[in-house]
């Protein structure tokens, strides 16, 4: 998701210039081709065969994101607040 939002600042003026020079329909057609390109990229990547979240090299059983939960986060199964000492 972050990659898509990172492309927005240069993409908005570029889309405006393309839309102004080519017109609305060709610009929307090019945008659709771009979206199909991202789909093809995902379908041909190794993401399709990924069955588990990768771990950091040298750390068995530890997920790649091993940061503690933020203060005030609520646990999914128990409903208790995470990151705080029990009362």
C-alpha atoms as a PDB file:
ATOM      1  CA  UNK A   1       0.000   0.000   0.000  1.00  0.00           C
ATOM      2  CA  UNK A   2       2.804   2.384   0.803  1.00  0.00           C
ATOM      3  CA  UNK A   3       4.327   1.922  -2.632  1.00  0.00           C
ATOM      4  CA  UNK A   4       1.091   3.066  -4.271  1.00  0.00           C
ATOM      5  CA  UNK A   5       0.829   6.182  -2.139  1.00  0.00           C
ATOM      6  CA  UNK A   6       4.493   6.955  -2.822  1.00  0.00           C
ATOM      7  CA  UNK A   7       3.765   7.049  -6.542  1.00  0.00           C
ATOM      8  CA  UNK A   8       0.903   9.530  -6.121  1.00  0.00           C
ATOM      9  CA  UNK A   9       2.902  12.808  -5.843  1.00  0.00           C
ATOM     10  CA  UNK A  10       4.653  12.442  -9.211  1.00  0.00           C
ATOM     11  CA  UNK A  11       1.714  10.559 -10.757  1.00  0.00           C
ATOM     12  CA  UNK A  12      -0.919  13.231 -10.211  1.00  0.00           C
ATOM     13  CA  UNK A  13       0.779  15.974 -12.253  1.00  0.00           C
ATOM     14  CA  UNK A  14       1.905  13.417 -14.840  1.00  0.00           C
ATOM     15  CA  UNK A  15      -1.679  12.157 -15.182  1.00  0.00           C
ATOM     16  CA  UNK A  16      -2.884  15.735 -15.553  1.00  0.00           C
ATOM     17  CA  UNK A  17      -0.396  16.435 -18.330  1.00  0.00           C
ATOM     18  CA  UNK A  18      -1.257  13.211 -20.148  1.00  0.00           C
ATOM     19  CA  UNK A  19      -4.973  13.908 -19.742  1.00  0.00           C
ATOM     20  CA  UNK A  20      -4.588  17.417 -21.086  1.00  0.00           C
ATOM     21  CA  UNK A  21      -2.532  16.342 -24.085  1.00  0.00           C
ATOM     22  CA  UNK A  22      -4.309  13.072 -25.047  1.00  0.00           C
ATOM     23  CA  UNK A  23      -7.808  13.547 -23.655  1.00  0.00           C
ATOM     24  CA  UNK A  24      -9.843  11.799 -20.998  1.00  0.00           C
ATOM     25  CA  UNK A  25     -10.580   8.426 -22.639  1.00  0.00           C
ATOM     26  CA  UNK A  26      -7.018   7.618 -23.770  1.00  0.00           C
ATOM     27  CA  UNK A  27      -5.697   8.641 -20.348  1.00  0.00           C
ATOM     28  CA  UNK A  28      -8.147   6.365 -18.553  1.00  0.00           C
ATOM     29  CA  UNK A  29      -7.240   3.564 -20.973  1.00  0.00           C
ATOM     30  CA  UNK A  30      -3.537   4.031 -20.140  1.00  0.00           C
ATOM     31  CA  UNK A  31      -4.377   4.030 -16.420  1.00  0.00           C
ATOM     32  CA  UNK A  32      -6.241   0.748 -16.870  1.00  0.00           C
ATOM     33  CA  UNK A  33      -3.241  -0.769 -18.651  1.00  0.00           C
ATOM     34  CA  UNK A  34      -1.078   0.354 -15.739  1.00  0.00           C
ATOM     35  CA  UNK A  35      -3.377  -1.414 -13.280  1.00  0.00           C
ATOM     36  CA  UNK A  36      -3.256  -4.574 -15.380  1.00  0.00           C
ATOM     37  CA  UNK A  37       0.526  -4.298 -15.329  1.00  0.00           C
ATOM     38  CA  UNK A  38       0.549  -4.416 -11.540  1.00  0.00           C
ATOM     39  CA  UNK A  39      -1.688  -7.485 -11.632  1.00  0.00           C
ATOM     40  CA  UNK A  40       0.671  -9.232 -14.046  1.00  0.00           C
ATOM     41  CA  UNK A  41       3.621  -8.300 -11.823  1.00  0.00           C
ATOM     42  CA  UNK A  42       1.961  -9.913  -8.810  1.00  0.00           C
ATOM     43  CA  UNK A  43       0.914 -13.021 -10.723  1.00  0.00           C
ATOM     44  CA  UNK A  44       4.450 -13.636 -11.983  1.00  0.00           C
ATOM     45  CA  UNK A  45       6.165 -12.915  -8.652  1.00  0.00           C
ATOM     46  CA  UNK A  46       7.078 -15.384  -5.923  1.00  0.00           C
ATOM     47  CA  UNK A  47       4.263 -13.991  -3.792  1.00  0.00           C
ATOM     48  CA  UNK A  48       1.863 -16.595  -5.226  1.00  0.00           C
ATOM     49  CA  UNK A  49       3.877 -19.454  -3.711  1.00  0.00           C
ATOM     50  CA  UNK A  50       4.458 -17.819  -0.316  1.00  0.00           C
ATOM     51  CA  UNK A  51       2.781 -19.872   2.421  1.00  0.00           C
ATOM     52  CA  UNK A  52       4.373 -18.426   5.597  1.00  0.00           C
ATOM     53  CA  UNK A  53       5.638 -15.041   6.634  1.00  0.00           C
ATOM     54  CA  UNK A  54       9.414 -14.922   6.085  1.00  0.00           C
ATOM     55  CA  UNK A  55      11.646 -14.787   9.165  1.00  0.00           C
ATOM     56  CA  UNK A  56      14.760 -12.733   9.769  1.00  0.00           C
ATOM     57  CA  UNK A  57      17.944 -14.654   8.937  1.00  0.00           C
ATOM     58  CA  UNK A  58      19.463 -16.167  12.067  1.00  0.00           C
ATOM     59  CA  UNK A  59      16.307 -15.897  14.182  1.00  0.00           C
ATOM     60  CA  UNK A  60      14.171 -19.004  14.112  1.00  0.00           C
ATOM     61  CA  UNK A  61      10.478 -18.537  14.740  1.00  0.00           C
ATOM     62  CA  UNK A  62      10.624 -14.753  15.017  1.00  0.00           C
ATOM     63  CA  UNK A  63       8.474 -12.880  12.533  1.00  0.00           C
ATOM     64  CA  UNK A  64      10.094 -10.207  10.386  1.00  0.00           C
ATOM     65  CA  UNK A  65       8.192  -7.558  12.347  1.00  0.00           C
ATOM     66  CA  UNK A  66       9.110  -8.211  15.969  1.00  0.00           C
ATOM     67  CA  UNK A  67       8.199  -4.837  17.424  1.00  0.00           C
ATOM     68  CA  UNK A  68       5.987  -4.812  20.511  1.00  0.00           C
ATOM     69  CA  UNK A  69       2.343  -3.777  20.031  1.00  0.00           C
ATOM     70  CA  UNK A  70       1.574  -0.059  20.337  1.00  0.00           C
ATOM     71  CA  UNK A  71       0.214   1.236  23.620  1.00  0.00           C
ATOM     72  CA  UNK A  72      -3.544   0.988  23.726  1.00  0.00           C
ATOM     73  CA  UNK A  73      -3.777  -1.751  21.081  1.00  0.00           C
ATOM     74  CA  UNK A  74      -6.511  -4.309  21.778  1.00  0.00           C
ATOM     75  CA  UNK A  75      -5.816  -8.054  21.573  1.00  0.00           C
ATOM     76  CA  UNK A  76      -7.851  -9.965  18.992  1.00  0.00           C
ATOM     77  CA  UNK A  77      -8.719 -13.035  21.042  1.00  0.00           C
ATOM     78  CA  UNK A  78      -8.954 -11.734  24.612  1.00  0.00           C
ATOM     79  CA  UNK A  79     -10.006  -8.127  24.132  1.00  0.00           C
ATOM     80  CA  UNK A  80      -7.418  -7.027  26.694  1.00  0.00           C
ATOM     81  CA  UNK A  81      -5.337  -3.940  26.071  1.00  0.00           C
ATOM     82  CA  UNK A  82      -1.843  -4.786  24.846  1.00  0.00           C
ATOM     83  CA  UNK A  83       1.349  -2.999  25.800  1.00  0.00           C
ATOM     84  CA  UNK A  84       0.146  -2.105  29.306  1.00  0.00           C
ATOM     85  CA  UNK A  85       0.693  -3.772  32.662  1.00  0.00           C
ATOM     86  CA  UNK A  86      -2.344  -5.681  33.984  1.00  0.00           C
ATOM     87  CA  UNK A  87      -4.246  -3.878  36.737  1.00  0.00           C
END
